[in-house]
C-alpha atoms as a PDB file:
ATOM      1  CA  MET A   1       0.000   0.000   0.000  1.00  0.00           C
ATOM      2  CA  LEU A   2       2.815   2.399   0.843  1.00  0.00           C
ATOM      3  CA  ILE A   3       4.480   1.751  -2.520  1.00  0.00           C
ATOM      4  CA  VAL A   4       1.261   2.656  -4.355  1.00  0.00           C
ATOM      5  CA  ILE A   5       1.053   5.988  -2.495  1.00  0.00           C
ATOM      6  CA  ILE A   6       4.709   6.802  -3.274  1.00  0.00           C
ATOM      7  CA  ILE A   7       4.310   5.942  -6.965  1.00  0.00           C
ATOM      8  CA  SER A   8       1.059   7.936  -7.145  1.00  0.00           C
ATOM      9  CA  SER A   9       2.681  11.019  -5.595  1.00  0.00           C
ATOM     10  CA  VAL A  10       5.625  10.801  -8.044  1.00  0.00           C
ATOM     11  CA  VAL A  11       3.248  10.505 -11.010  1.00  0.00           C
ATOM     12  CA  ILE A  12       1.131  13.421  -9.764  1.00  0.00           C
ATOM     13  CA  GLY A  13       4.280  15.530  -9.229  1.00  0.00           C
ATOM     14  CA  LEU A  14       5.448  14.786 -12.774  1.00  0.00           C
ATOM     15  CA  ALA A  15       2.008  15.666 -14.140  1.00  0.00           C
ATOM     16  CA  PHE A  16       1.976  19.060 -12.392  1.00  0.00           C
ATOM     17  CA  THR A  17       5.533  19.798 -13.538  1.00  0.00           C
ATOM     18  CA  THR A  18       4.602  18.943 -17.114  1.00  0.00           C
ATOM     19  CA  LEU A  19       1.477  21.096 -16.951  1.00  0.00           C
ATOM     20  CA  SER A  20       3.408  24.099 -15.616  1.00  0.00           C
ATOM     21  CA  LEU A  21       5.968  23.761 -18.441  1.00  0.00           C
ATOM     22  CA  ILE A  22       3.183  23.563 -21.013  1.00  0.00           C
ATOM     23  CA  ARG A  23       1.484  26.615 -19.481  1.00  0.00           C
ATOM     24  CA  LYS A  24       4.731  28.643 -19.676  1.00  0.00           C
ATOM     25  CA  ASN A  25       5.221  27.660 -23.315  1.00  0.00           C
ATOM     26  CA  MET A  26       1.631  28.547 -24.165  1.00  0.00           C
ATOM     27  CA  TRP A  27       2.106  31.959 -22.540  1.00  0.00           C
ATOM     28  CA  ALA A  28       5.271  32.558 -24.611  1.00  0.00           C
ATOM     29  CA  ILE A  29       3.486  31.489 -27.811  1.00  0.00           C
ATOM     30  CA  GLN A  30       0.543  33.765 -26.995  1.00  0.00           C
ATOM     31  CA  ASN A  31       2.815  36.788 -26.409  1.00  0.00           C
ATOM     32  CA  ASN A  32       4.761  36.090 -29.593  1.00  0.00           C
ATOM     33  CA  LEU A  33       1.539  35.844 -31.603  1.00  0.00           C
ATOM     34  CA  LYS A  34       0.231  39.083 -30.091  1.00  0.00           C
ATOM     35  CA  TYR A  35       3.495  40.878 -30.927  1.00  0.00           C
ATOM     36  CA  LYS A  36       3.577  39.549 -34.507  1.00  0.00           C
ATOM     37  CA  THR A  37      -0.074  40.493 -35.013  1.00  0.00           C
ATOM     38  CA  GLU A  38       0.579  44.076 -33.861  1.00  0.00           C
ATOM     39  CA  LEU A  39       3.598  44.320 -36.148  1.00  0.00           C
ATOM     40  CA  ASN A  40       1.609  43.004 -39.122  1.00  0.00           C
ATOM     41  CA  ARG A  41      -1.253  45.423 -38.410  1.00  0.00           C
ATOM     42  CA  LEU A  42       1.169  48.365 -38.319  1.00  0.00           C
ATOM     43  CA  GLU A  43       2.931  47.253 -41.497  1.00  0.00           C
ATOM     44  CA  GLN A  44      -0.364  46.816 -43.340  1.00  0.00           C
ATOM     45  CA  SER A  45      -1.628  50.201 -42.153  1.00  0.00           C
ATOM     46  CA  LEU A  46       1.596  51.933 -43.230  1.00  0.00           C
ATOM     47  CA  TRP A  47       1.539  50.304 -46.685  1.00  0.00           C
ATOM     48  CA  ILE A  48      -2.066  51.369 -47.234  1.00  0.00           C
ATOM     49  CA  ASP A  49      -1.430  54.948 -46.131  1.00  0.00           C
ATOM     50  CA  PHE A  50       1.863  55.284 -48.012  1.00  0.00           C
ATOM     51  CA  ASN A  51       0.129  54.325 -51.242  1.00  0.00           C
ATOM     52  CA  HIS A  52      -3.133  56.187 -50.584  1.00  0.00           C
ATOM     53  CA  PHE A  53      -1.845  59.657 -49.703  1.00  0.00           C
ATOM     54  CA  SER A  54       0.123  61.882 -52.063  1.00  0.00           C
ATOM     55  CA  GLU A  55       2.027  64.007 -49.513  1.00  0.00           C
ATOM     56  CA  LEU A  56       4.017  62.562 -46.630  1.00  0.00           C
ATOM     57  CA  SER A  57       6.034  64.572 -44.130  1.00  0.00           C
ATOM     58  CA  TYR A  58       7.800  63.891 -40.848  1.00  0.00           C
ATOM     59  CA  SER A  59       8.434  66.219 -37.937  1.00  0.00           C
ATOM     60  CA  GLN A  60      11.158  65.069 -35.558  1.00  0.00           C
ATOM     61  CA  LYS A  61      10.194  67.708 -33.012  1.00  0.00           C
ATOM     62  CA  GLU A  62       6.650  66.363 -32.734  1.00  0.00           C
ATOM     63  CA  GLU A  63       7.627  62.741 -33.531  1.00  0.00           C
ATOM     64  CA  GLU A  64       4.799  62.759 -36.061  1.00  0.00           C
ATOM     65  CA  LEU A  65       4.403  61.327 -39.557  1.00  0.00           C
ATOM     66  CA  LYS A  66       1.709  63.210 -41.489  1.00  0.00           C
ATOM     67  CA  PHE A  67      -0.134  61.984 -44.566  1.00  0.00           C
ATOM     68  CA  ASN A  68      -2.065  64.461 -46.722  1.00  0.00           C
ATOM     69  CA  SER A  69      -4.090  64.299 -49.905  1.00  0.00           C
ATOM     70  CA  PRO A  70      -6.649  66.692 -51.373  1.00  0.00           C
ATOM     71  CA  MET A  71      -9.485  64.630 -49.878  1.00  0.00           C
ATOM     72  CA  ASP A  72      -8.145  63.306 -46.578  1.00  0.00           C
ATOM     73  CA  SER A  73      -5.347  63.387 -44.021  1.00  0.00           C
ATOM     74  CA  CYS A  74      -3.919  61.107 -41.382  1.00  0.00           C
ATOM     75  CA  LYS A  75      -1.054  61.137 -38.876  1.00  0.00           C
ATOM     76  CA  TYR A  76       1.040  58.670 -36.936  1.00  0.00           C
ATOM     77  CA  LYS A  77       2.404  59.766 -33.560  1.00  0.00           C
ATOM     78  CA  PHE A  78       5.509  57.881 -32.381  1.00  0.00           C
ATOM     79  CA  LYS A  79       5.747  57.422 -28.610  1.00  0.00           C
ATOM     80  CA  THR A  80       8.404  55.499 -26.677  1.00  0.00           C
ATOM     81  CA  ASP A  81       6.558  52.180 -26.639  1.00  0.00           C
ATOM     82  CA  MET A  82       3.668  52.676 -29.047  1.00  0.00           C
ATOM     83  CA  VAL A  83       2.535  54.210 -32.325  1.00  0.00           C
ATOM     84  CA  ILE A  84      -0.786  56.051 -32.391  1.00  0.00           C
ATOM     85  CA  LYS A  85      -2.773  56.478 -35.608  1.00  0.00           C
ATOM     86  CA  GLU A  86      -6.017  58.338 -35.013  1.00  0.00           C
ATOM     87  CA  GLN A  87      -8.027  55.736 -33.072  1.00  0.00           C
ATOM     88  CA  ASP A  88      -5.593  52.841 -33.551  1.00  0.00           C
ATOM     89  CA  THR A  89      -2.796  52.151 -31.110  1.00  0.00           C
ATOM     90  CA  PHE A  90       0.025  49.785 -32.026  1.00  0.00           C
ATOM     91  CA  GLN A  91       1.827  48.521 -28.915  1.00  0.00           C
ATOM     92  CA  ILE A  92       5.283  48.185 -30.458  1.00  0.00           C
ATOM     93  CA  ARG A  93       8.563  49.627 -29.239  1.00  0.00           C
ATOM     94  CA  PHE A  94      11.029  50.643 -31.948  1.00  0.00           C
ATOM     95  CA  ASP A  95      14.724  50.819 -31.221  1.00  0.00           C
ATOM     96  CA  GLN A  96      15.457  52.878 -34.303  1.00  0.00           C
ATOM     97  CA  LYS A  97      13.426  54.659 -36.958  1.00  0.00           C
ATOM     98  CA  GLN A  98      14.727  56.334 -40.092  1.00  0.00           C
ATOM     99  CA  PHE A  99      12.865  58.369 -42.657  1.00  0.00           C
ATOM    100  CA  TYR A 100      13.973  58.753 -46.266  1.00  0.00           C
ATOM    101  CA  PHE A 101      13.249  61.006 -49.198  1.00  0.00           C
ATOM    102  CA  GLY A 102      14.834  60.284 -52.555  1.00  0.00           C
ATOM    103  CA  GLY A 103      17.106  57.666 -51.003  1.00  0.00           C
ATOM    104  CA  ASN A 104      18.576  60.084 -48.446  1.00  0.00           C
ATOM    105  CA  VAL A 105      17.944  60.017 -44.711  1.00  0.00           C
ATOM    106  CA  THR A 106      15.823  62.942 -43.538  1.00  0.00           C
ATOM    107  CA  ILE A 107      14.847  64.097 -40.053  1.00  0.00           C
ATOM    108  CA  HIS A 108      12.051  66.448 -41.097  1.00  0.00           C
ATOM    109  CA  GLY A 109      10.128  67.390 -44.205  1.00  0.00           C
ATOM    110  CA  LYS A 110       9.041  65.221 -47.115  1.00  0.00           C
ATOM    111  CA  VAL A 111       9.204  61.455 -46.762  1.00  0.00           C
ATOM    112  CA  ASP A 112       8.870  58.602 -49.234  1.00  0.00           C
ATOM    113  CA  ALA A 113      10.138  55.675 -47.128  1.00  0.00           C
ATOM    114  CA  ILE A 114      10.419  54.604 -43.513  1.00  0.00           C
ATOM    115  CA  LYS A 115      12.629  51.996 -41.879  1.00  0.00           C
ATOM    116  CA  LEU A 116      11.720  50.748 -38.416  1.00  0.00           C
ATOM    117  CA  GLU A 117      14.079  48.486 -36.492  1.00  0.00           C
ATOM    118  CA  ILE A 118      12.970  46.287 -33.641  1.00  0.00           C
ATOM    119  CA  VAL A 119      15.507  44.428 -31.539  1.00  0.00           C
ATOM    120  CA  ASN A 120      13.786  41.733 -29.555  1.00  0.00           C
ATOM    121  CA  LYS A 121      15.386  39.277 -27.127  1.00  0.00           C
ATOM    122  CA  ALA A 122      15.264  36.459 -29.635  1.00  0.00           C
ATOM    123  CA  GLN A 123      15.508  38.248 -32.967  1.00  0.00           C
ATOM    124  CA  GLU A 124      16.022  41.479 -34.845  1.00  0.00           C
ATOM    125  CA  GLN A 125      13.340  42.672 -37.251  1.00  0.00           C
ATOM    126  CA  HIS A 126      13.257  45.411 -39.844  1.00  0.00           C
ATOM    127  CA  LEU A 127      10.154  46.998 -41.285  1.00  0.00           C
ATOM    128  CA  PHE A 128      10.677  48.985 -44.491  1.00  0.00           C
ATOM    129  CA  VAL A 129       7.766  50.732 -46.204  1.00  0.00           C
ATOM    130  CA  PHE A 130       8.100  52.965 -49.253  1.00  0.00           C
ATOM    131  CA  LYS A 131       6.128  54.639 -52.012  1.00  0.00           C
ATOM    132  CA  ARG A 132       6.922  55.559 -55.564  1.00  0.00           C
ATOM    133  CA  ASN A 133       7.108  59.290 -56.094  1.00  0.00           C
ATOM    134  CA  ASP A 134       5.361  61.004 -58.948  1.00  0.00           C
ATOM    135  CA  ALA A 135       6.598  64.172 -60.642  1.00  0.00           C
ATOM    136  CA  GLU A 136       4.531  66.376 -58.321  1.00  0.00           C
ATOM    137  CA  GLN A 137       6.789  65.469 -55.386  1.00  0.00           C
ATOM    138  CA  TYR A 138       9.814  66.998 -57.091  1.00  0.00           C
ATOM    139  CA  LEU A 139       8.077  70.126 -58.423  1.00  0.00           C
ATOM    140  CA  ASN A 140       7.185  71.694 -55.082  1.00  0.00           C
END
């Protein structure tokens, strides 16, 4: 009888240990999925806005990327650990962001590309979004 109790307690201990390991892995998978989903949402939103609006400008002082067209406007506000676009909030922290116009890095003014760098514990990711300029961009 004593042997049965000892074996049962060992089996139960192993079961709880296994369940706690599975729970930790599920939590890590859930956080990774949430992070990837936020990154994909931001990338998709940037691609849509870059190709929808004709004028793009960045202000380093305000940490703001502005999109303008004759019919509509939109802006992205970069905070330390999030990006805010009107009513959307993307919970992503960027380690580095660079804005380009005509292939040159710019800190304010017209923009035609953006490069966002995210250094995570496990990996490093780059997000690069651009638009093709028409002749109007170079005339003004």
